[in-house]
Protein backbone atom coordinates (compact mmCIF):
# COMPACT_ATOMS: atom_id res chain seq x y z
CA MET A 1 75.86 -56.07 47.47
CA ASN A 2 71.78 -56.72 48.20
CA ARG A 3 70.80 -55.75 45.82
CA GLU A 4 73.03 -57.75 43.80
CA ASP A 5 71.89 -60.29 45.46
CA ARG A 6 68.09 -60.23 43.96
CA LYS A 7 69.62 -61.36 40.42
CA VAL A 8 70.69 -64.44 42.24
CA ALA A 9 67.94 -66.24 42.55
CA ILE A 10 66.33 -65.03 39.48
CA SER A 11 69.13 -66.44 37.65
CA VAL A 12 69.14 -69.44 39.65
CA GLY A 13 65.17 -69.97 38.50
CA ARG A 14 66.68 -70.84 34.51
CA GLU A 15 68.90 -73.03 34.71
CA ILE A 16 65.49 -74.95 36.82
CA PRO A 17 65.14 -77.87 33.69
CA SER A 18 68.68 -78.06 34.04
CA ILE A 19 68.64 -78.82 38.08
CA ALA A 20 65.41 -81.01 37.73
CA ARG A 21 67.54 -83.45 35.20
CA ALA A 22 69.93 -83.19 37.91
CA VAL A 23 68.20 -83.94 40.49
CA ASP A 24 66.21 -87.12 38.02
CA ALA A 25 70.29 -88.46 37.75
CA ILE A 26 70.99 -88.43 41.35
CA VAL A 27 68.14 -90.06 42.27
CA SER A 28 67.99 -92.98 39.81
CA GLY A 29 72.00 -93.52 41.09
CA ILE A 30 71.68 -93.67 44.25
CA ARG A 31 68.41 -95.34 43.91
CA LYS A 32 70.80 -98.78 42.34
CA GLY A 33 73.48 -97.94 45.16
CA GLY A 34 75.20 -95.11 43.90
CA ARG A 35 76.43 -92.21 45.49
CA LEU A 36 75.52 -88.23 45.03
CA ILE A 37 79.48 -87.09 45.00
CA TYR A 38 80.64 -82.88 45.21
CA VAL A 39 83.91 -82.05 44.10
CA GLY A 40 85.25 -77.76 44.64
CA ALA A 41 87.72 -75.76 45.04
CA GLY A 42 88.27 -73.01 47.72
CA THR A 43 84.29 -71.14 48.67
CA SER A 44 83.40 -74.12 45.61
CA GLY A 45 84.83 -77.03 48.31
CA ARG A 46 83.32 -76.08 51.11
CA LEU A 47 79.46 -74.61 50.15
CA ALA A 48 79.50 -78.51 48.39
CA VAL A 49 81.52 -80.04 52.32
CA LEU A 50 78.59 -77.96 54.08
CA ASP A 51 75.59 -79.55 52.09
CA ALA A 52 77.43 -83.17 52.47
CA ALA A 53 77.34 -83.07 55.34
CA GLU A 54 73.70 -81.65 56.39
CA CYS A 55 72.22 -84.22 54.85
CA PRO A 56 72.93 -87.57 56.73
CA PRO A 57 71.24 -85.33 60.18
CA THR A 58 68.20 -83.77 57.97
CA PHE A 59 67.31 -86.43 56.35
CA GLY A 60 68.79 -89.66 58.35
CA ILE A 61 70.79 -91.21 55.34
CA SER A 62 74.30 -92.71 55.38
CA PRO A 63 77.17 -90.31 55.27
CA HIS A 64 78.33 -92.56 52.43
CA THR A 65 75.48 -91.32 50.13
CA VAL A 66 76.27 -87.80 49.72
CA GLN A 67 79.99 -87.27 50.00
CA ALA A 68 82.14 -84.25 48.86
CA MET A 69 85.59 -83.72 48.06
CA ILE A 70 87.27 -80.04 48.65
CA ALA A 71 91.04 -79.60 46.93
CA GLY A 72 93.33 -79.92 49.12
CA GLY A 73 91.50 -82.03 52.02
CA LYS A 74 90.10 -80.81 55.09
CA LYS A 75 92.66 -78.33 55.74
CA ALA A 76 91.53 -76.00 53.01
CA LEU A 77 88.38 -75.55 54.76
CA THR A 78 89.37 -73.31 57.34
CA SER A 79 92.56 -71.82 55.45
CA ALA A 80 93.53 -71.43 51.35
CA VAL A 81 95.85 -74.51 50.46
CA GLU A 82 97.76 -72.57 47.79
CA GLY A 83 98.07 -75.21 44.27
CA ALA A 84 95.44 -77.17 45.41
CA GLU A 85 93.29 -76.39 43.20
CA ASP A 86 95.67 -76.61 40.05
CA SER A 87 96.58 -79.90 40.30
CA ALA A 88 94.59 -82.62 38.13
CA ARG A 89 96.47 -85.45 39.38
CA ASN A 90 95.01 -85.42 43.22
CA ALA A 91 91.29 -85.32 41.89
CA VAL A 92 91.92 -87.82 40.35
CA ARG A 93 93.57 -89.54 42.68
CA ASP A 94 90.67 -88.04 45.08
CA LEU A 95 88.04 -90.42 42.79
CA ARG A 96 89.67 -93.31 42.29
CA ALA A 97 90.22 -93.74 46.57
CA LYS A 98 86.15 -93.47 46.35
CA LYS A 99 86.20 -96.31 43.81
CA LEU A 100 83.79 -94.53 41.45
CA SER A 101 80.81 -96.66 40.09
CA ARG A 102 78.41 -95.59 37.15
CA ASN A 103 76.40 -95.22 39.17
CA ASP A 104 76.96 -92.58 41.13
CA VAL A 105 76.85 -88.79 40.26
CA VAL A 106 79.83 -86.55 40.59
CA VAL A 107 78.51 -82.91 40.43
CA GLY A 108 81.46 -80.72 39.56
CA ILE A 109 81.26 -77.11 41.09
CA ALA A 110 83.19 -73.52 40.17
CA ALA A 111 82.72 -70.51 39.33
CA SER A 112 84.48 -69.89 36.23
CA GLY A 113 84.64 -73.26 34.74
CA THR A 114 88.31 -73.39 34.73
CA THR A 115 89.20 -75.09 38.27
CA PRO A 116 91.89 -78.35 37.12
CA TYR A 117 90.98 -79.74 39.78
CA VAL A 118 87.58 -79.72 39.06
CA LEU A 119 87.94 -80.48 35.44
CA SER A 120 90.22 -83.30 36.07
CA ALA A 121 87.38 -84.89 38.25
CA LEU A 122 84.67 -84.63 35.84
CA SER A 123 86.82 -85.96 33.44
CA PHE A 124 87.40 -88.95 35.25
CA ALA A 125 84.15 -89.63 36.56
CA HIS A 126 82.75 -88.93 32.61
CA LYS A 127 85.28 -91.99 31.45
CA ARG A 128 84.27 -94.51 34.27
CA GLY A 129 80.56 -94.34 33.07
CA ALA A 130 79.31 -92.37 35.87
CA THR A 131 77.09 -89.15 35.00
CA THR A 132 78.32 -85.35 35.49
CA VAL A 133 76.33 -82.75 36.16
CA ALA A 134 78.08 -78.66 36.15
CA ILE A 135 77.43 -75.96 38.20
CA THR A 136 79.21 -72.63 36.92
CA SER A 137 78.59 -68.69 36.56
CA ASN A 138 79.72 -69.30 32.49
CA ARG A 139 78.03 -70.95 30.46
CA ASN A 140 80.95 -71.56 27.46
CA ALA A 141 83.93 -72.60 29.68
CA PRO A 142 85.71 -75.79 29.58
CA ILE A 143 84.22 -77.92 32.61
CA ALA A 144 80.75 -78.06 30.64
CA ARG A 145 82.84 -80.09 27.90
CA ASP A 146 82.85 -83.01 30.18
CA ALA A 147 79.23 -82.83 31.94
CA GLN A 148 76.28 -84.31 31.06
CA ILE A 149 74.21 -81.60 32.57
CA VAL A 150 75.36 -78.22 33.30
CA ILE A 151 73.92 -75.91 35.50
CA ALA A 152 75.23 -72.30 34.90
CA THR A 153 73.65 -69.67 37.12
CA ASP A 154 74.47 -66.75 35.02
CA VAL A 155 74.69 -63.66 38.04
CA GLY A 156 76.48 -60.96 36.19
CA PRO A 157 79.80 -59.19 37.16
CA GLU A 158 80.60 -59.09 40.94
CA ILE A 159 80.68 -56.27 43.23
CA VAL A 160 84.27 -56.63 44.48
CA THR A 161 85.51 -57.67 41.00
CA GLY A 162 86.52 -61.71 40.69
CA SER A 163 85.37 -62.53 44.29
CA THR A 164 82.92 -65.77 43.28
CA ARG A 165 82.50 -65.79 47.12
CA LEU A 166 79.32 -63.30 46.82
CA LYS A 167 76.95 -63.49 43.93
CA ALA A 168 78.45 -66.66 42.37
CA GLY A 169 79.18 -68.58 45.97
CA THR A 170 75.28 -67.37 46.67
CA SER A 171 73.76 -68.77 43.36
CA GLN A 172 76.09 -72.30 44.13
CA LYS A 173 74.81 -72.89 47.45
CA LEU A 174 70.85 -72.44 46.36
CA VAL A 175 71.44 -74.90 43.91
CA LEU A 176 73.16 -77.14 46.04
CA ASN A 177 70.42 -76.89 48.36
CA MET A 178 67.57 -77.85 45.90
CA LEU A 179 69.93 -80.92 44.18
CA SER A 180 70.03 -82.39 47.54
CA THR A 181 66.25 -81.39 48.91
CA ALA A 182 64.97 -82.30 45.88
CA ALA A 183 66.47 -85.92 46.02
CA MET A 184 65.56 -86.70 49.82
CA VAL A 185 62.11 -85.52 48.92
CA ARG A 186 61.71 -87.75 46.09
CA LEU A 187 63.50 -90.76 47.49
CA GLY A 188 61.01 -90.66 50.66
CA HIS A 189 63.36 -89.20 53.07
CA VAL A 190 60.65 -86.21 53.71
CA TYR A 191 56.91 -87.08 54.88
CA ASP A 192 54.72 -83.58 53.75
CA ASN A 193 57.40 -80.89 54.66
CA LEU A 194 58.31 -82.65 57.98
CA MET A 195 62.00 -83.82 58.21
CA ILE A 196 60.85 -87.67 59.18
CA ASP A 197 64.19 -89.19 59.04
CA VAL A 198 65.32 -86.32 61.22
CA ALA A 199 68.66 -87.66 63.45
CA LEU A 200 67.58 -87.40 67.15
CA THR A 201 70.91 -86.78 68.31
CA ASN A 202 70.40 -83.73 70.95
CA GLU A 203 67.87 -82.58 73.18
CA LYS A 204 66.88 -80.22 70.70
CA LEU A 205 66.46 -82.69 67.75
CA ARG A 206 65.09 -85.03 70.00
CA GLN A 207 61.75 -81.68 71.19
CA ARG A 208 62.01 -81.64 66.59
CA GLY A 209 61.27 -84.70 66.68
CA LEU A 210 58.33 -84.98 68.96
CA ARG A 211 56.99 -82.21 67.53
CA ILE A 212 57.50 -83.63 63.66
CA LEU A 213 55.21 -86.39 64.73
CA ALA A 214 52.62 -85.30 66.83
CA GLU A 215 52.17 -82.76 63.48
CA ALA A 216 51.78 -85.73 61.42
CA SER A 217 50.13 -88.22 63.35
CA GLY A 218 47.72 -85.15 64.36
CA ALA A 219 48.40 -86.80 67.42
CA ASP A 220 48.71 -85.08 71.54
CA ALA A 221 52.53 -84.32 72.47
CA SER A 222 51.96 -86.97 75.66
CA ALA A 223 50.37 -89.89 72.60
CA ALA A 224 53.69 -88.73 70.47
CA GLU A 225 56.26 -88.91 73.26
CA HIS A 226 54.77 -92.60 74.19
CA ALA A 227 54.80 -94.08 70.58
CA LEU A 228 58.41 -92.96 70.17
CA ARG A 229 59.73 -94.26 73.31
CA GLN A 230 58.03 -97.38 72.40
CA SER A 231 58.78 -97.98 69.14
CA GLY A 232 62.64 -97.15 69.58
CA HIS A 233 62.83 -93.19 68.52
CA ASN A 234 62.14 -94.05 64.91
CA LEU A 235 60.25 -91.37 63.67
CA ARG A 236 58.26 -93.66 61.06
CA ALA A 237 58.24 -96.30 63.03
CA ALA A 238 55.80 -94.12 65.76
CA LEU A 239 54.17 -93.06 63.15
CA VAL A 240 52.41 -95.44 61.31
CA MET A 241 52.07 -96.86 65.06
CA LEU A 242 49.54 -93.24 66.06
CA LYS A 243 47.84 -93.62 62.07
CA ARG A 244 47.23 -96.96 62.23
CA GLY A 245 46.07 -97.93 65.47
CA LEU A 246 49.58 -100.52 66.05
CA ASP A 247 51.93 -102.04 68.30
CA ALA A 248 56.01 -101.41 67.71
CA LYS A 249 56.72 -105.07 66.35
CA THR A 250 53.74 -104.93 63.85
CA ALA A 251 55.14 -100.82 62.79
CA ARG A 252 57.87 -101.91 62.32
CA ALA A 253 57.04 -104.84 60.14
CA ARG A 254 54.20 -103.35 57.81
CA LEU A 255 57.14 -100.75 57.39
CA SER A 256 59.83 -103.48 56.79
CA LEU A 257 57.20 -105.19 54.06
CA ALA A 258 57.01 -101.83 51.93
CA LYS A 259 60.34 -101.50 51.86
CA GLY A 260 60.52 -98.71 54.28
CA ASN A 261 57.74 -96.97 52.00
CA LEU A 262 56.43 -94.59 54.77
CA ARG A 263 53.40 -94.34 52.77
CA LEU A 264 52.74 -97.14 50.92
CA ALA A 265 52.82 -98.88 54.79
CA LEU A 266 50.32 -95.97 56.30
CA GLY A 267 47.84 -97.40 53.48
CA GLU A 268 48.51 -94.15 51.68
């Protein structure tokens, strides 16, 4: 298994030009008020839900911005829902409920490239004018038909024949990591390589936020903690305070004037 897994990163590397095009589309769509919407079934759907769920705490964005649809709904997260992936009608119903717009980017994920739920979602999204992206391990599959951008990771046969939760699933996880992370970096939710918008929702994350602030500003832990407290635990405002010697009110005003662009607010 380990020998086979080594092939996965190589196969993903070959698709970097297509991944980059998808990131460009996602950034453009979100800047216009659109969303990134993943669609999958089984393992693909669970990986999609995982990536979407991690975006708000990691990047401080609204859960509305990155979403995931899985065939069979919430029940399918923990158990197989027989026949759910075969329902083309349910995919249309689920996307209709999201009030799809032309600024949305719909990413269909299917290792085989033939899953009816995913195919139907991409077809509906294409007709509605949304940008469509396919993540598959089969470039010649029907999923490419309604996808404007195709990311096809040719990982080769699985060590357990047909078990696409193995190499195919691993390749999907790597691609999803790249799509969401690169898009959020481009959208300004990362400062250098630091999670400047991390949600400070528990003690572990509050301590992480403190370390991020100290590293980004060059201040000691005590000064970072004071600025974070004064800013109302807003990492961006606290960083502007520390790097520009401002009070919390002025730092927030500077960020507002820069429309949230941290580097602009810092004069960088």
